Each structure stands twice: as C-alpha cells, then as structure tokens.
C-alpha atoms as a PDB file:
ATOM      1  CA  MET A   1     -30.553 -92.018  46.683  1.00  0.00           C
ATOM      2  CA  LYS A   2     -30.479 -94.474  43.769  1.00  0.00           C
ATOM      3  CA  ASN A   3     -33.714 -95.608  42.103  1.00  0.00           C
ATOM      4  CA  ILE A   4     -34.020 -99.391  42.188  1.00  0.00           C
ATOM      5  CA  ALA A   5     -36.257-101.616  40.071  1.00  0.00           C
ATOM      6  CA  VAL A   6     -36.911-105.241  41.003  1.00  0.00           C
ATOM      7  CA  LEU A   7     -37.854-107.744  38.283  1.00  0.00           C
ATOM      8  CA  VAL A   8     -39.972-110.638  39.549  1.00  0.00           C
ATOM      9  CA  SER A   9     -41.932-113.649  38.342  1.00  0.00           C
ATOM     10  CA  GLY A  10     -43.261-115.315  41.480  1.00  0.00           C
ATOM     11  CA  GLY A  11     -43.973-115.005  45.177  1.00  0.00           C
ATOM     12  CA  GLY A  12     -41.537-112.214  45.853  1.00  0.00           C
ATOM     13  CA  THR A  13     -39.834-113.487  49.020  1.00  0.00           C
ATOM     14  CA  ASN A  14     -36.573-111.835  47.937  1.00  0.00           C
ATOM     15  CA  LEU A  15     -38.487-108.649  47.139  1.00  0.00           C
ATOM     16  CA  GLN A  16     -39.910-108.785  50.674  1.00  0.00           C
ATOM     17  CA  ALA A  17     -36.385-109.167  52.076  1.00  0.00           C
ATOM     18  CA  ILE A  18     -35.362-106.034  50.113  1.00  0.00           C
ATOM     19  CA  ILE A  19     -38.406-104.056  51.360  1.00  0.00           C
ATOM     20  CA  ASP A  20     -37.689-105.160  54.948  1.00  0.00           C
ATOM     21  CA  ALA A  21     -34.019-104.188  54.567  1.00  0.00           C
ATOM     22  CA  GLN A  22     -35.061-100.692  53.408  1.00  0.00           C
ATOM     23  CA  ASN A  23     -37.311-100.343  56.446  1.00  0.00           C
ATOM     24  CA  ASN A  24     -34.544-101.595  58.773  1.00  0.00           C
ATOM     25  CA  GLY A  25     -31.925 -99.208  57.375  1.00  0.00           C
ATOM     26  CA  ILE A  26     -29.761-101.937  55.801  1.00  0.00           C
ATOM     27  CA  ILE A  27     -30.434-100.415  52.368  1.00  0.00           C
ATOM     28  CA  LYS A  28     -30.011 -96.650  52.723  1.00  0.00           C
ATOM     29  CA  SER A  29     -28.337 -95.647  49.435  1.00  0.00           C
ATOM     30  CA  GLY A  30     -31.257 -96.698  47.250  1.00  0.00           C
ATOM     31  CA  LYS A  31     -35.002 -97.163  47.207  1.00  0.00           C
ATOM     32  CA  VAL A  32     -37.225 -99.573  45.280  1.00  0.00           C
ATOM     33  CA  VAL A  33     -39.457 -97.390  43.117  1.00  0.00           C
ATOM     34  CA  LEU A  34     -40.646 -99.955  40.566  1.00  0.00           C
ATOM     35  CA  VAL A  35     -41.456-103.665  40.426  1.00  0.00           C
ATOM     36  CA  ILE A  36     -41.807-105.254  36.973  1.00  0.00           C
ATOM     37  CA  SER A  37     -43.267-108.730  36.500  1.00  0.00           C
ATOM     38  CA  ASN A  38     -43.576-111.026  33.505  1.00  0.00           C
ATOM     39  CA  ASN A  39     -46.365-112.882  35.342  1.00  0.00           C
ATOM     40  CA  LYS A  40     -49.634-111.048  36.024  1.00  0.00           C
ATOM     41  CA  ASN A  41     -50.410-113.438  38.916  1.00  0.00           C
ATOM     42  CA  ALA A  42     -47.086-112.970  40.728  1.00  0.00           C
ATOM     43  CA  TYR A  43     -47.714-112.415  44.445  1.00  0.00           C
ATOM     44  CA  ALA A  44     -44.660-110.134  44.370  1.00  0.00           C
ATOM     45  CA  LEU A  45     -46.907-107.517  42.713  1.00  0.00           C
ATOM     46  CA  THR A  46     -49.221-107.595  45.747  1.00  0.00           C
ATOM     47  CA  ARG A  47     -46.233-107.221  48.091  1.00  0.00           C
ATOM     48  CA  ALA A  48     -45.140-104.125  46.137  1.00  0.00           C
ATOM     49  CA  GLU A  49     -48.638-102.619  46.002  1.00  0.00           C
ATOM     50  CA  ASN A  50     -49.056-103.170  49.768  1.00  0.00           C
ATOM     51  CA  VAL A  51     -46.190-100.756  50.439  1.00  0.00           C
ATOM     52  CA  GLY A  52     -46.963 -98.268  47.672  1.00  0.00           C
ATOM     53  CA  ILE A  53     -44.318 -99.308  45.133  1.00  0.00           C
ATOM     54  CA  ALA A  54     -45.314 -98.787  41.494  1.00  0.00           C
ATOM     55  CA  THR A  55     -45.805-101.996  39.513  1.00  0.00           C
ATOM     56  CA  LYS A  56     -45.790-102.871  35.836  1.00  0.00           C
ATOM     57  CA  ILE A  57     -46.708-106.124  34.102  1.00  0.00           C
ATOM     58  CA  ILE A  58     -44.964-106.921  30.816  1.00  0.00           C
ATOM     59  CA  LEU A  59     -45.974-110.264  29.324  1.00  0.00           C
ATOM     60  CA  LYS A  60     -43.892-112.004  26.680  1.00  0.00           C
ATOM     61  CA  LYS A  61     -47.037-113.304  24.962  1.00  0.00           C
ATOM     62  CA  ASP A  62     -48.141-109.698  24.354  1.00  0.00           C
ATOM     63  CA  CYS A  63     -44.855-108.907  22.600  1.00  0.00           C
ATOM     64  CA  VAL A  64     -43.788-109.614  19.039  1.00  0.00           C
ATOM     65  CA  ASP A  65     -40.540-111.280  20.157  1.00  0.00           C
ATOM     66  CA  THR A  66     -37.815-111.181  22.827  1.00  0.00           C
ATOM     67  CA  TYR A  67     -36.446-107.949  21.388  1.00  0.00           C
ATOM     68  CA  ASP A  68     -39.852-106.284  21.791  1.00  0.00           C
ATOM     69  CA  PHE A  69     -40.270-107.747  25.315  1.00  0.00           C
ATOM     70  CA  GLU A  70     -36.911-106.380  26.421  1.00  0.00           C
ATOM     71  CA  ALA A  71     -37.516-103.045  24.701  1.00  0.00           C
ATOM     72  CA  LYS A  72     -40.707-102.622  26.753  1.00  0.00           C
ATOM     73  CA  ILE A  73     -38.803-103.401  29.975  1.00  0.00           C
ATOM     74  CA  ILE A  74     -36.028-100.945  29.032  1.00  0.00           C
ATOM     75  CA  GLU A  75     -38.618 -98.263  28.306  1.00  0.00           C
ATOM     76  CA  ALA A  76     -40.292 -98.798  31.705  1.00  0.00           C
ATOM     77  CA  LEU A  77     -36.904 -98.677  33.478  1.00  0.00           C
ATOM     78  CA  GLU A  78     -35.819 -95.514  31.701  1.00  0.00           C
ATOM     79  CA  ASN A  79     -39.171 -93.792  32.285  1.00  0.00           C
ATOM     80  CA  ALA A  80     -38.689 -94.398  36.027  1.00  0.00           C
ATOM     81  CA  ASN A  81     -35.043 -93.171  35.949  1.00  0.00           C
ATOM     82  CA  ILE A  82     -33.789 -96.487  37.298  1.00  0.00           C
ATOM     83  CA  ASP A  83     -30.156 -96.651  38.406  1.00  0.00           C
ATOM     84  CA  LEU A  84     -30.004-100.253  39.611  1.00  0.00           C
ATOM     85  CA  ILE A  85     -31.941-103.373  38.573  1.00  0.00           C
ATOM     86  CA  VAL A  86     -32.368-106.412  40.811  1.00  0.00           C
ATOM     87  CA  LEU A  87     -33.499-109.760  39.433  1.00  0.00           C
ATOM     88  CA  ALA A  88     -35.383-111.476  42.251  1.00  0.00           C
ATOM     89  CA  GLY A  89     -36.722-114.740  40.904  1.00  0.00           C
ATOM     90  CA  PHE A  90     -37.182-113.300  37.424  1.00  0.00           C
ATOM     91  CA  MET A  91     -37.781-116.347  35.229  1.00  0.00           C
ATOM     92  CA  SER A  92     -36.627-114.938  31.926  1.00  0.00           C
ATOM     93  CA  ILE A  93     -33.102-114.953  30.541  1.00  0.00           C
ATOM     94  CA  LEU A  94     -32.078-111.488  29.381  1.00  0.00           C
ATOM     95  CA  SER A  95     -30.135-111.049  26.143  1.00  0.00           C
ATOM     96  CA  GLU A  96     -26.706-109.483  25.764  1.00  0.00           C
ATOM     97  CA  ARG A  97     -28.408-106.466  24.203  1.00  0.00           C
ATOM     98  CA  PHE A  98     -30.295-105.910  27.474  1.00  0.00           C
ATOM     99  CA  THR A  99     -27.454-106.705  29.876  1.00  0.00           C
ATOM    100  CA  SER A 100     -24.908-104.540  28.032  1.00  0.00           C
ATOM    101  CA  HIS A 101     -27.410-101.646  28.050  1.00  0.00           C
ATOM    102  CA  PHE A 102     -27.251-101.737  31.872  1.00  0.00           C
ATOM    103  CA  GLU A 103     -23.677-102.934  32.349  1.00  0.00           C
ATOM    104  CA  ASN A 104     -22.745-103.379  36.043  1.00  0.00           C
ATOM    105  CA  ARG A 105     -26.215-102.153  36.993  1.00  0.00           C
ATOM    106  CA  ILE A 106     -28.104-105.488  37.141  1.00  0.00           C
ATOM    107  CA  LEU A 107     -27.814-107.762  40.181  1.00  0.00           C
ATOM    108  CA  ASN A 108     -29.046-111.322  40.521  1.00  0.00           C
ATOM    109  CA  VAL A 109     -29.177-113.684  43.468  1.00  0.00           C
ATOM    110  CA  HIS A 110     -28.479-117.335  42.649  1.00  0.00           C
ATOM    111  CA  PRO A 111     -29.170-120.137  45.165  1.00  0.00           C
ATOM    112  CA  SER A 112     -25.738-121.781  45.094  1.00  0.00           C
ATOM    113  CA  LEU A 113     -22.101-120.902  45.598  1.00  0.00           C
ATOM    114  CA  ILE A 114     -21.138-120.035  42.014  1.00  0.00           C
ATOM    115  CA  PRO A 115     -19.380-121.673  40.116  1.00  0.00           C
ATOM    116  CA  SER A 116     -21.250-124.720  41.493  1.00  0.00           C
ATOM    117  CA  PHE A 117     -24.730-125.583  40.197  1.00  0.00           C
ATOM    118  CA  CYS A 118     -25.171-122.559  37.976  1.00  0.00           C
ATOM    119  CA  GLY A 119     -25.636-121.644  34.342  1.00  0.00           C
ATOM    120  CA  ASP A 120     -28.298-122.680  31.851  1.00  0.00           C
ATOM    121  CA  GLY A 121     -30.973-124.934  33.335  1.00  0.00           C
ATOM    122  CA  PHE A 122     -30.013-124.301  36.956  1.00  0.00           C
ATOM    123  CA  TYR A 123     -32.864-122.378  38.600  1.00  0.00           C
ATOM    124  CA  GLY A 124     -35.318-122.864  41.460  1.00  0.00           C
ATOM    125  CA  LEU A 125     -35.462-126.345  42.960  1.00  0.00           C
ATOM    126  CA  LYS A 126     -33.233-127.764  40.192  1.00  0.00           C
ATOM    127  CA  VAL A 127     -30.224-126.099  41.875  1.00  0.00           C
ATOM    128  CA  HIS A 128     -30.949-127.769  45.219  1.00  0.00           C
ATOM    129  CA  GLU A 129     -31.728-131.134  43.604  1.00  0.00           C
ATOM    130  CA  ALA A 130     -28.310-131.022  41.900  1.00  0.00           C
ATOM    131  CA  ALA A 131     -26.546-130.085  45.160  1.00  0.00           C
ATOM    132  CA  LEU A 132     -28.164-133.003  47.011  1.00  0.00           C
ATOM    133  CA  GLU A 133     -27.482-135.401  44.142  1.00  0.00           C
ATOM    134  CA  LYS A 134     -23.792-134.434  44.227  1.00  0.00           C
ATOM    135  CA  GLY A 135     -23.687-134.894  48.008  1.00  0.00           C
ATOM    136  CA  VAL A 136     -22.124-131.509  48.822  1.00  0.00           C
ATOM    137  CA  LYS A 137     -21.944-130.646  52.520  1.00  0.00           C
ATOM    138  CA  VAL A 138     -22.031-126.881  51.954  1.00  0.00           C
ATOM    139  CA  THR A 139     -24.096-124.828  49.530  1.00  0.00           C
ATOM    140  CA  GLY A 140     -25.292-121.242  49.755  1.00  0.00           C
ATOM    141  CA  ALA A 141     -26.172-118.210  47.684  1.00  0.00           C
ATOM    142  CA  THR A 142     -24.345-115.776  45.436  1.00  0.00           C
ATOM    143  CA  VAL A 143     -25.181-112.220  44.428  1.00  0.00           C
ATOM    144  CA  HIS A 144     -23.521-111.305  41.154  1.00  0.00           C
ATOM    145  CA  PHE A 145     -23.654-108.778  38.357  1.00  0.00           C
ATOM    146  CA  VAL A 146     -25.631-109.964  35.338  1.00  0.00           C
ATOM    147  CA  ASN A 147     -23.980-110.212  31.947  1.00  0.00           C
ATOM    148  CA  GLU A 148     -24.716-112.169  28.770  1.00  0.00           C
ATOM    149  CA  ILE A 149     -23.559-115.472  30.342  1.00  0.00           C
ATOM    150  CA  THR A 150     -26.143-117.128  32.606  1.00  0.00           C
ATOM    151  CA  ASP A 151     -24.832-116.694  36.199  1.00  0.00           C
ATOM    152  CA  GLY A 152     -21.533-115.568  34.646  1.00  0.00           C
ATOM    153  CA  GLY A 153     -21.124-111.997  35.917  1.00  0.00           C
ATOM    154  CA  LYS A 154     -18.680-110.793  38.571  1.00  0.00           C
ATOM    155  CA  ILE A 155     -19.471-112.058  42.070  1.00  0.00           C
ATOM    156  CA  ILE A 156     -20.383-109.365  44.606  1.00  0.00           C
ATOM    157  CA  MET A 157     -21.165-111.448  47.693  1.00  0.00           C
ATOM    158  CA  GLN A 158     -21.546-115.075  48.790  1.00  0.00           C
ATOM    159  CA  LYS A 159     -22.742-116.835  51.916  1.00  0.00           C
ATOM    160  CA  ALA A 160     -22.414-120.527  52.753  1.00  0.00           C
ATOM    161  CA  VAL A 161     -25.181-122.708  54.172  1.00  0.00           C
ATOM    162  CA  GLU A 162     -24.763-126.188  55.646  1.00  0.00           C
ATOM    163  CA  VAL A 163     -26.425-129.098  53.864  1.00  0.00           C
ATOM    164  CA  LYS A 164     -28.043-131.508  56.340  1.00  0.00           C
ATOM    165  CA  ASP A 165     -28.275-135.279  55.895  1.00  0.00           C
ATOM    166  CA  ASP A 166     -32.073-135.279  55.909  1.00  0.00           C
ATOM    167  CA  ASP A 167     -32.480-132.338  53.525  1.00  0.00           C
ATOM    168  CA  THR A 168     -34.948-132.443  50.675  1.00  0.00           C
ATOM    169  CA  PRO A 169     -34.698-129.944  47.794  1.00  0.00           C
ATOM    170  CA  GLU A 170     -37.560-128.032  49.463  1.00  0.00           C
ATOM    171  CA  THR A 171     -35.999-127.823  52.956  1.00  0.00           C
ATOM    172  CA  LEU A 172     -32.640-126.873  51.470  1.00  0.00           C
ATOM    173  CA  GLN A 173     -34.232-124.189  49.275  1.00  0.00           C
ATOM    174  CA  LYS A 174     -35.949-122.677  52.314  1.00  0.00           C
ATOM    175  CA  ARG A 175     -32.779-122.665  54.429  1.00  0.00           C
ATOM    176  CA  VAL A 176     -30.665-121.145  51.625  1.00  0.00           C
ATOM    177  CA  MET A 177     -33.254-118.363  51.262  1.00  0.00           C
ATOM    178  CA  GLN A 178     -33.470-117.656  55.006  1.00  0.00           C
ATOM    179  CA  GLU A 179     -29.782-118.029  55.893  1.00  0.00           C
ATOM    180  CA  ALA A 180     -28.161-116.636  52.743  1.00  0.00           C
ATOM    181  CA  GLU A 181     -30.296-115.035  50.006  1.00  0.00           C
ATOM    182  CA  TRP A 182     -32.344-112.739  52.255  1.00  0.00           C
ATOM    183  CA  ILE A 183     -29.174-111.621  54.072  1.00  0.00           C
ATOM    184  CA  ILE A 184     -26.700-111.010  51.251  1.00  0.00           C
ATOM    185  CA  LEU A 185     -29.078-109.632  48.614  1.00  0.00           C
ATOM    186  CA  PRO A 186     -29.913-106.455  50.607  1.00  0.00           C
ATOM    187  CA  LYS A 187     -26.254-106.050  51.663  1.00  0.00           C
ATOM    188  CA  ALA A 188     -25.081-106.366  48.053  1.00  0.00           C
ATOM    189  CA  ILE A 189     -27.700-103.845  46.887  1.00  0.00           C
ATOM    190  CA  GLU A 190     -26.510-101.362  49.503  1.00  0.00           C
ATOM    191  CA  LYS A 191     -22.855-101.960  48.579  1.00  0.00           C
ATOM    192  CA  VAL A 192     -23.444-101.401  44.840  1.00  0.00           C
ATOM    193  CA  ALA A 193     -25.843 -98.459  45.318  1.00  0.00           C
ATOM    194  CA  SER A 194     -23.443 -96.711  47.718  1.00  0.00           C
ATOM    195  CA  GLU A 195     -20.569 -97.051  45.219  1.00  0.00           C
ATOM    196  CA  MET A 196     -22.506 -95.786  42.164  1.00  0.00           C
END
C-alpha cells in the first residue's frame, strides 16, 4: 500500500474524487495519508479532516523564498513516508529541484487534452476560455507526470469531452471535471501506485 499525499489550494473537488475512489475500491494500491495546502482557507482541508486524513498548511508568505517553501513541503512529505504525490488544483509551480527530487512520483491533472491549452498561464478557467475561443469541438483532461516543464511530463491518461455550442467557460469546466478529471485521476493514481 503506497502512501499518497495530495497538494491542494482550493475547494478540493479532485481530492473528493480521490477519496471516493478509495472508498469504492478504484484506488486499492495506495491510500491518501496527507493533504498539504498553500491556502489556509482551502475547503479541501475540511474535506480531508472530515475523513481523518492528516493535513498541513505551508504558506509561501511564511517562507524566506521558494526554496524554503519547497523545502518545507519536502520535509512534510518525507516525514510522512510519501511514495506518490498528486497535485489537485495546487496553484503553485514547483521548481526543477522539487520535481527531480520526486521524479516519476508526482501526478497532475490538467483540464485539457495536452498538448492543447497547456503550459505557463493555462490554469483554471483560462484553459476553458482558450478552448472556446479557438472553437474546438472536443476538449478533455490529461493526467501526467510532473517535471520541470509546466504540463510537460509524460502523459499517463487522457479522456475526451465534447464541447457544446452553448458552453461557457464555467459549464465546460464543470463538464470536464465530471466527465474526465474525476474519472481518470483516480484510475491514473491506481495505475502508477500499482506499478511502483
């Protein structure tokens, strides 16, 4: 059983999908034992506490610099004997120093079919705004390994989602989460954890 940490910044809907997948037996090779947030008001922390998962808050403003911020995260991960790290709406770009420390052990879910609408500046609603602006008929989500290039790591899993004519960035974001992110993120975690 691999120890999993989830890094969050917001509401934690992807974290909830992971917790639900553990309860439903989709994730059976690992278990979330720690949730780390860089936002003390993240509802994801409440979701974790509600099911007895340990939480830790590490704020950038309390750190000397990015190096110090990442060092504190690494320390928390190593203290909890973490095997696999999942970025679930974690709004902080991690340096090469961090990603190489956990090579092929950090997963991220991105709300598009990489290589479309990804890289620096593409996060949250901005991804869906760009997809609608371009007029694509299909978008989706991608789970990939994290390396030093934003959204540049090896792809683990993808799932397509139809774009509808009357979509807004908000409706598209919701459908991509429900029809792709919440499905492939748990499956990718199980796949990676089972092969470790």
